[in-house]
Structure formats: C-alpha cells, structure tokens
Amino acid sequence: AVCTDAMTNALAATARVARVLTGGGRRAFASVRGDVIQVTNPATGAVVARVPADDDMSVARKFVEASRAQRKWASTPASDRAACLRRYAQLLKVNANDLASDITSEMGKPRTQAKAEVLAAARRVEAIVDIAVSENLAPSDDAASEIRHASKRLEERVELEPVGVVAHVSAWNYPHLLAAGVAASA
C-alpha cells in the first residue's frame, strides 16, 4: 500500500485551520490582502498563533490545489486509500499529546478532554475505514453501479462515485473529531 506524504499531509491539514503540512515544516496560504487572524488562548489571552485570513483569491487557490489532489486520490486504489487513512489514524494516536496541547492552548478545552477527542478521532477514522472495506464501498469501474431492486416500473440503483472536493465548516468545540469524520468519509 502506498500512502504518500502528500496524502498524509492532506489528511493532517483537516485538523489544522488554514495550514498545510509540507515536509518537515508548515506552509500557510497567504491572503492577497495579508490579513491575519490571531489565535488566542482563552484562559490567558496570550496569542498562540497567527493564521493568514482567507479572501476570495486564497480560497480559489486552495480549491484548485484540492481539486488536483482529489483527482489523484480518486484514482488511487481503494486498498491504498484505506492504508493511508489507517496511517492518519495512527498518527493521531502517536501525536495525541501534542495535538491535545494545541487544542487546550487554542480553545481552552481541558487537556484530558482534548486528548480523549484526538483518540476518539482516530477511532472514528478506523471505524469508517473498516465499514468501507467490509461493505466494499469504494468506487471501482466494475462495481460502480449496483441494482438493488428492479421491477417493470422502478429500478433502485446504488452508484458509488467520489464526491470531489469537500469544504468542511464546523463547530469549534471538537476540531479533530468532526474534521476526521469528514476527511475519512470523503
């Protein structure tokens, strides 16, 4: 199974607002205007991060980049996608302490709850992969359409096809858990 750095990084990006992991560092998409959003620790008021604000152009650039990555992802064999998602779940577990620290400093969530959320996100990804594999839910050329019921007047058909780029706007209180479910399902 092949899980490229780009695939792993794309999954990891779902957990970090407006950041894409590249290699060993982080690259933020800058807005044309250069506006920045300050992320403050609600308990201390300290600025813990500065995130470039998006504008129409930066969103358009992200969409184009995501569309390119999605085409590659859609053409990747289902077994490789499953392996990549399992690797994502493993990385969530391995990095649970660091991710919990980020959640705590950025949102004020108690550390034990933050760590429990990250571990729950990993379990959710694993469960989604297990369901997809056991139910053979991955689109393929030879199983792209299944007739579930047919009569003279009605045909019930299930068609599996990639939905394309998914934008996820979410509640702030469970950043990893909610994003992991969307990313793994997409």
C-alpha atoms as a PDB file:
ATOM      1  CA  ALA A   1       0.000   0.000   0.000  1.00  0.00           C
ATOM      2  CA  VAL A   2       1.253   3.426  -0.905  1.00  0.00           C
ATOM      3  CA  CYS A   3       0.497   6.342   1.372  1.00  0.00           C
ATOM      4  CA  THR A   4       2.399   9.301   0.004  1.00  0.00           C
ATOM      5  CA  ASP A   5       3.476  12.229   2.126  1.00  0.00           C
ATOM      6  CA  ALA A   6       1.074  14.395   0.111  1.00  0.00           C
ATOM      7  CA  MET A   7      -1.873  12.163   1.037  1.00  0.00           C
ATOM      8  CA  THR A   8      -0.916  12.033   4.703  1.00  0.00           C
ATOM      9  CA  ASN A   9      -0.351  15.771   4.703  1.00  0.00           C
ATOM     10  CA  ALA A  10      -3.698  16.450   3.083  1.00  0.00           C
ATOM     11  CA  LEU A  11      -5.413  14.446   5.816  1.00  0.00           C
ATOM     12  CA  ALA A  12      -3.402  16.137   8.537  1.00  0.00           C
ATOM     13  CA  ALA A  13      -4.422  19.526   7.156  1.00  0.00           C
ATOM     14  CA  THR A  14      -8.046  18.847   8.080  1.00  0.00           C
ATOM     15  CA  ALA A  15      -7.066  19.129  11.710  1.00  0.00           C
ATOM     16  CA  ARG A  16      -5.253  22.477  11.451  1.00  0.00           C
ATOM     17  CA  VAL A  17      -7.121  25.554  10.348  1.00  0.00           C
ATOM     18  CA  ALA A  18      -5.609  27.178   7.235  1.00  0.00           C
ATOM     19  CA  ARG A  19      -2.345  25.208   7.428  1.00  0.00           C
ATOM     20  CA  VAL A  20      -0.986  22.525   5.156  1.00  0.00           C
ATOM     21  CA  LEU A  21       1.836  20.318   6.353  1.00  0.00           C
ATOM     22  CA  THR A  22       4.654  20.181   3.862  1.00  0.00           C
ATOM     23  CA  GLY A  23       7.729  18.122   4.542  1.00  0.00           C
ATOM     24  CA  GLY A  24       9.057  18.993   7.961  1.00  0.00           C
ATOM     25  CA  GLY A  25       7.543  22.452   8.202  1.00  0.00           C
ATOM     26  CA  ARG A  26       4.289  24.294   7.783  1.00  0.00           C
ATOM     27  CA  ARG A  27       3.225  26.495   4.911  1.00  0.00           C
ATOM     28  CA  ALA A  28       0.221  28.759   5.296  1.00  0.00           C
ATOM     29  CA  PHE A  29      -1.722  30.033   2.312  1.00  0.00           C
ATOM     30  CA  ALA A  30      -1.413  33.806   2.466  1.00  0.00           C
ATOM     31  CA  SER A  31      -4.322  36.020   1.636  1.00  0.00           C
ATOM     32  CA  VAL A  32      -3.869  38.617  -1.066  1.00  0.00           C
ATOM     33  CA  ARG A  33      -4.565  41.391   1.441  1.00  0.00           C
ATOM     34  CA  GLY A  34      -2.192  39.933   4.011  1.00  0.00           C
ATOM     35  CA  ASP A  35      -4.812  39.904   6.788  1.00  0.00           C
ATOM     36  CA  VAL A  36      -4.032  37.728   9.783  1.00  0.00           C
ATOM     37  CA  ILE A  37      -6.250  36.154  12.427  1.00  0.00           C
ATOM     38  CA  GLN A  38      -4.733  35.912  15.882  1.00  0.00           C
ATOM     39  CA  VAL A  39      -5.496  32.724  17.788  1.00  0.00           C
ATOM     40  CA  THR A  40      -5.606  33.493  21.489  1.00  0.00           C
ATOM     41  CA  ASN A  41      -5.605  31.197  24.470  1.00  0.00           C
ATOM     42  CA  PRO A  42      -8.986  31.878  26.114  1.00  0.00           C
ATOM     43  CA  ALA A  43      -7.571  31.154  29.582  1.00  0.00           C
ATOM     44  CA  THR A  44      -4.602  33.533  29.383  1.00  0.00           C
ATOM     45  CA  GLY A  45      -5.369  35.848  26.477  1.00  0.00           C
ATOM     46  CA  ALA A  46      -1.917  35.094  25.053  1.00  0.00           C
ATOM     47  CA  VAL A  47      -1.571  34.921  21.273  1.00  0.00           C
ATOM     48  CA  VAL A  48      -0.629  31.296  20.488  1.00  0.00           C
ATOM     49  CA  ALA A  49      -0.703  31.508  16.692  1.00  0.00           C
ATOM     50  CA  ARG A  50      -1.258  33.846  13.779  1.00  0.00           C
ATOM     51  CA  VAL A  51      -3.173  32.372  10.849  1.00  0.00           C
ATOM     52  CA  PRO A  52      -3.485  34.043   7.456  1.00  0.00           C
ATOM     53  CA  ALA A  53      -7.060  35.113   6.801  1.00  0.00           C
ATOM     54  CA  ASP A  54      -8.604  33.816   3.629  1.00  0.00           C
ATOM     55  CA  ASP A  55     -10.016  36.001   0.906  1.00  0.00           C
ATOM     56  CA  ASP A  56     -11.649  35.085  -2.405  1.00  0.00           C
ATOM     57  CA  MET A  57      -8.332  34.514  -4.171  1.00  0.00           C
ATOM     58  CA  SER A  58      -6.762  32.347  -1.468  1.00  0.00           C
ATOM     59  CA  VAL A  59      -9.926  30.209  -1.279  1.00  0.00           C
ATOM     60  CA  ALA A  60      -9.858  29.824  -5.077  1.00  0.00           C
ATOM     61  CA  ARG A  61      -6.183  28.759  -4.955  1.00  0.00           C
ATOM     62  CA  LYS A  62      -6.953  26.218  -2.237  1.00  0.00           C
ATOM     63  CA  PHE A  63      -9.867  24.842  -4.238  1.00  0.00           C
ATOM     64  CA  VAL A  64      -7.704  24.384  -7.348  1.00  0.00           C
ATOM     65  CA  GLU A  65      -4.977  22.672  -5.327  1.00  0.00           C
ATOM     66  CA  ALA A  66      -7.525  20.466  -3.548  1.00  0.00           C
ATOM     67  CA  SER A  67      -9.168  19.556  -6.870  1.00  0.00           C
ATOM     68  CA  ARG A  68      -5.826  18.380  -8.246  1.00  0.00           C
ATOM     69  CA  ALA A  69      -5.141  16.342  -5.113  1.00  0.00           C
ATOM     70  CA  GLN A  70      -8.668  14.875  -5.162  1.00  0.00           C
ATOM     71  CA  ARG A  71      -8.277  13.592  -8.728  1.00  0.00           C
ATOM     72  CA  LYS A  72      -5.096  11.796  -7.681  1.00  0.00           C
ATOM     73  CA  TRP A  73      -6.799  10.482  -4.528  1.00  0.00           C
ATOM     74  CA  ALA A  74      -9.819   9.216  -6.529  1.00  0.00           C
ATOM     75  CA  SER A  75      -7.521   7.310  -8.912  1.00  0.00           C
ATOM     76  CA  THR A  76      -5.626   5.714  -6.018  1.00  0.00           C
ATOM     77  CA  PRO A  77      -6.642   2.070  -5.409  1.00  0.00           C
ATOM     78  CA  ALA A  78      -9.097   1.642  -2.536  1.00  0.00           C
ATOM     79  CA  SER A  79      -6.640  -0.532  -0.608  1.00  0.00           C
ATOM     80  CA  ASP A  80      -4.038   2.253  -0.748  1.00  0.00           C
ATOM     81  CA  ARG A  81      -6.585   4.864   0.372  1.00  0.00           C
ATOM     82  CA  ALA A  82      -7.564   2.606   3.274  1.00  0.00           C
ATOM     83  CA  ALA A  83      -3.904   2.191   4.247  1.00  0.00           C
ATOM     84  CA  CYS A  84      -3.390   5.939   4.101  1.00  0.00           C
ATOM     85  CA  LEU A  85      -6.414   6.576   6.327  1.00  0.00           C
ATOM     86  CA  ARG A  86      -5.184   3.954   8.786  1.00  0.00           C
ATOM     87  CA  ARG A  87      -1.823   5.746   8.831  1.00  0.00           C
ATOM     88  CA  TYR A  88      -3.657   9.016   9.546  1.00  0.00           C
ATOM     89  CA  ALA A  89      -5.431   7.351  12.492  1.00  0.00           C
ATOM     90  CA  GLN A  90      -2.108   6.024  13.753  1.00  0.00           C
ATOM     91  CA  LEU A  91      -0.535   9.483  13.511  1.00  0.00           C
ATOM     92  CA  LEU A  92      -3.412  10.942  15.521  1.00  0.00           C
ATOM     93  CA  LYS A  93      -2.707   8.385  18.260  1.00  0.00           C
ATOM     94  CA  VAL A  94       1.066   8.864  18.207  1.00  0.00           C
ATOM     95  CA  ASN A  95       0.700  12.654  18.326  1.00  0.00           C
ATOM     96  CA  ALA A  96      -2.276  12.740  20.713  1.00  0.00           C
ATOM     97  CA  ASN A  97      -0.382  14.562  23.471  1.00  0.00           C
ATOM     98  CA  ASP A  98       0.921  17.318  21.186  1.00  0.00           C
ATOM     99  CA  LEU A  99      -2.437  17.719  19.450  1.00  0.00           C
ATOM    100  CA  ALA A 100      -4.191  17.851  22.825  1.00  0.00           C
ATOM    101  CA  SER A 101      -1.801  20.609  23.902  1.00  0.00           C
ATOM    102  CA  ASP A 102      -2.698  22.585  20.766  1.00  0.00           C
ATOM    103  CA  ILE A 103      -6.421  22.163  21.404  1.00  0.00           C
ATOM    104  CA  THR A 104      -6.014  23.227  25.024  1.00  0.00           C
ATOM    105  CA  SER A 105      -4.000  26.331  24.200  1.00  0.00           C
ATOM    106  CA  GLU A 106      -6.159  27.352  21.220  1.00  0.00           C
ATOM    107  CA  MET A 107      -9.606  26.652  22.701  1.00  0.00           C
ATOM    108  CA  GLY A 108      -9.243  26.246  26.440  1.00  0.00           C
ATOM    109  CA  LYS A 109     -10.554  22.677  26.428  1.00  0.00           C
ATOM    110  CA  PRO A 110      -9.264  20.710  29.444  1.00  0.00           C
ATOM    111  CA  ARG A 111      -6.264  18.616  28.454  1.00  0.00           C
ATOM    112  CA  THR A 112      -7.836  15.257  29.353  1.00  0.00           C
ATOM    113  CA  GLN A 113     -10.864  16.061  27.199  1.00  0.00           C
ATOM    114  CA  ALA A 114      -8.649  17.294  24.374  1.00  0.00           C
ATOM    115  CA  LYS A 115      -6.620  14.072  24.370  1.00  0.00           C
ATOM    116  CA  ALA A 116      -9.796  11.973  24.545  1.00  0.00           C
ATOM    117  CA  GLU A 117     -11.104  13.860  21.490  1.00  0.00           C
ATOM    118  CA  VAL A 118      -7.963  13.153  19.448  1.00  0.00           C
ATOM    119  CA  LEU A 119      -8.089   9.463  20.356  1.00  0.00           C
ATOM    120  CA  ALA A 120     -11.817   9.368  19.513  1.00  0.00           C
ATOM    121  CA  ALA A 121     -10.985  10.943  16.129  1.00  0.00           C
ATOM    122  CA  ALA A 122      -8.502   8.130  15.477  1.00  0.00           C
ATOM    123  CA  ARG A 123     -11.127   5.513  16.382  1.00  0.00           C
ATOM    124  CA  ARG A 124     -13.673   7.232  14.111  1.00  0.00           C
ATOM    125  CA  VAL A 125     -11.278   7.124  11.151  1.00  0.00           C
ATOM    126  CA  GLU A 126     -10.554   3.443  11.792  1.00  0.00           C
ATOM    127  CA  ALA A 127     -14.287   2.668  12.043  1.00  0.00           C
ATOM    128  CA  ILE A 128     -15.058   4.476   8.786  1.00  0.00           C
ATOM    129  CA  VAL A 129     -12.281   2.562   7.008  1.00  0.00           C
ATOM    130  CA  ASP A 130     -13.458  -0.745   8.486  1.00  0.00           C
ATOM    131  CA  ILE A 131     -17.013  -0.111   7.273  1.00  0.00           C
ATOM    132  CA  ALA A 132     -15.869   0.951   3.811  1.00  0.00           C
ATOM    133  CA  VAL A 133     -13.651  -2.123   3.452  1.00  0.00           C
ATOM    134  CA  SER A 134     -16.172  -4.628   4.845  1.00  0.00           C
ATOM    135  CA  GLU A 135     -19.019  -3.226   2.748  1.00  0.00           C
ATOM    136  CA  ASN A 136     -16.827  -2.753  -0.345  1.00  0.00           C
ATOM    137  CA  LEU A 137     -17.954   0.867  -0.558  1.00  0.00           C
ATOM    138  CA  ALA A 138     -15.066   2.102  -2.655  1.00  0.00           C
ATOM    139  CA  PRO A 139     -15.958   3.106  -6.196  1.00  0.00           C
ATOM    140  CA  SER A 140     -14.445   0.968  -8.929  1.00  0.00           C
ATOM    141  CA  ASP A 141     -15.010   0.544 -12.655  1.00  0.00           C
ATOM    142  CA  ASP A 142     -16.506  -2.925 -12.311  1.00  0.00           C
ATOM    143  CA  ALA A 143     -18.700  -2.161  -9.271  1.00  0.00           C
ATOM    144  CA  ALA A 144     -19.638   1.463  -9.872  1.00  0.00           C
ATOM    145  CA  SER A 145     -23.346   0.702 -10.019  1.00  0.00           C
ATOM    146  CA  GLU A 146     -25.381  -1.921  -8.218  1.00  0.00           C
ATOM    147  CA  ILE A 147     -29.037  -2.633  -8.870  1.00  0.00           C
ATOM    148  CA  ARG A 148     -30.691  -3.306  -5.521  1.00  0.00           C
ATOM    149  CA  HIS A 149     -34.253  -3.734  -6.794  1.00  0.00           C
ATOM    150  CA  ALA A 150     -35.844  -3.812 -10.212  1.00  0.00           C
ATOM    151  CA  SER A 151     -39.401  -4.101 -11.444  1.00  0.00           C
ATOM    152  CA  LYS A 152     -41.244  -3.083 -14.626  1.00  0.00           C
ATOM    153  CA  ARG A 153     -41.760   0.469 -13.319  1.00  0.00           C
ATOM    154  CA  LEU A 154     -38.898   1.040 -10.896  1.00  0.00           C
ATOM    155  CA  GLU A 155     -35.201   0.360 -10.662  1.00  0.00           C
ATOM    156  CA  GLU A 156     -33.341   1.046  -7.424  1.00  0.00           C
ATOM    157  CA  ARG A 157     -29.650   1.556  -8.034  1.00  0.00           C
ATOM    158  CA  VAL A 158     -26.755   2.475  -5.780  1.00  0.00           C
ATOM    159  CA  GLU A 159     -23.905   4.271  -7.508  1.00  0.00           C
ATOM    160  CA  LEU A 160     -20.626   4.886  -5.768  1.00  0.00           C
ATOM    161  CA  GLU A 161     -18.586   7.790  -7.028  1.00  0.00           C
ATOM    162  CA  PRO A 162     -16.160  10.263  -5.462  1.00  0.00           C
ATOM    163  CA  VAL A 163     -17.920  13.470  -4.489  1.00  0.00           C
ATOM    164  CA  GLY A 164     -14.938  15.702  -5.209  1.00  0.00           C
ATOM    165  CA  VAL A 165     -13.601  18.470  -3.001  1.00  0.00           C
ATOM    166  CA  VAL A 166     -15.372  18.786   0.330  1.00  0.00           C
ATOM    167  CA  ALA A 167     -15.353  22.038   2.295  1.00  0.00           C
ATOM    168  CA  HIS A 168     -15.835  21.465   6.000  1.00  0.00           C
ATOM    169  CA  VAL A 169     -17.086  24.331   8.141  1.00  0.00           C
ATOM    170  CA  SER A 170     -17.537  23.074  11.653  1.00  0.00           C
ATOM    171  CA  ALA A 171     -18.280  23.846  15.243  1.00  0.00           C
ATOM    172  CA  TRP A 172     -15.194  24.917  17.138  1.00  0.00           C
ATOM    173  CA  ASN A 173     -15.583  22.610  20.140  1.00  0.00           C
ATOM    174  CA  TYR A 174     -14.446  19.300  18.566  1.00  0.00           C
ATOM    175  CA  PRO A 175     -11.894  20.285  15.901  1.00  0.00           C
ATOM    176  CA  HIS A 176     -10.239  16.890  15.404  1.00  0.00           C
ATOM    177  CA  LEU A 177     -13.243  14.639  15.916  1.00  0.00           C
ATOM    178  CA  LEU A 178     -15.529  16.454  13.469  1.00  0.00           C
ATOM    179  CA  ALA A 179     -12.845  17.023  10.827  1.00  0.00           C
ATOM    180  CA  ALA A 180     -11.652  13.396  10.991  1.00  0.00           C
ATOM    181  CA  GLY A 181     -15.133  12.087  10.239  1.00  0.00           C
ATOM    182  CA  VAL A 182     -15.497  14.336   7.207  1.00  0.00           C
ATOM    183  CA  ALA A 183     -11.988  13.674   5.894  1.00  0.00           C
ATOM    184  CA  ALA A 184     -12.193   9.890   6.254  1.00  0.00           C
ATOM    185  CA  SER A 185     -15.632   9.739   4.653  1.00  0.00           C
ATOM    186  CA  ALA A 186     -14.681  11.932   1.720  1.00  0.00           C
END
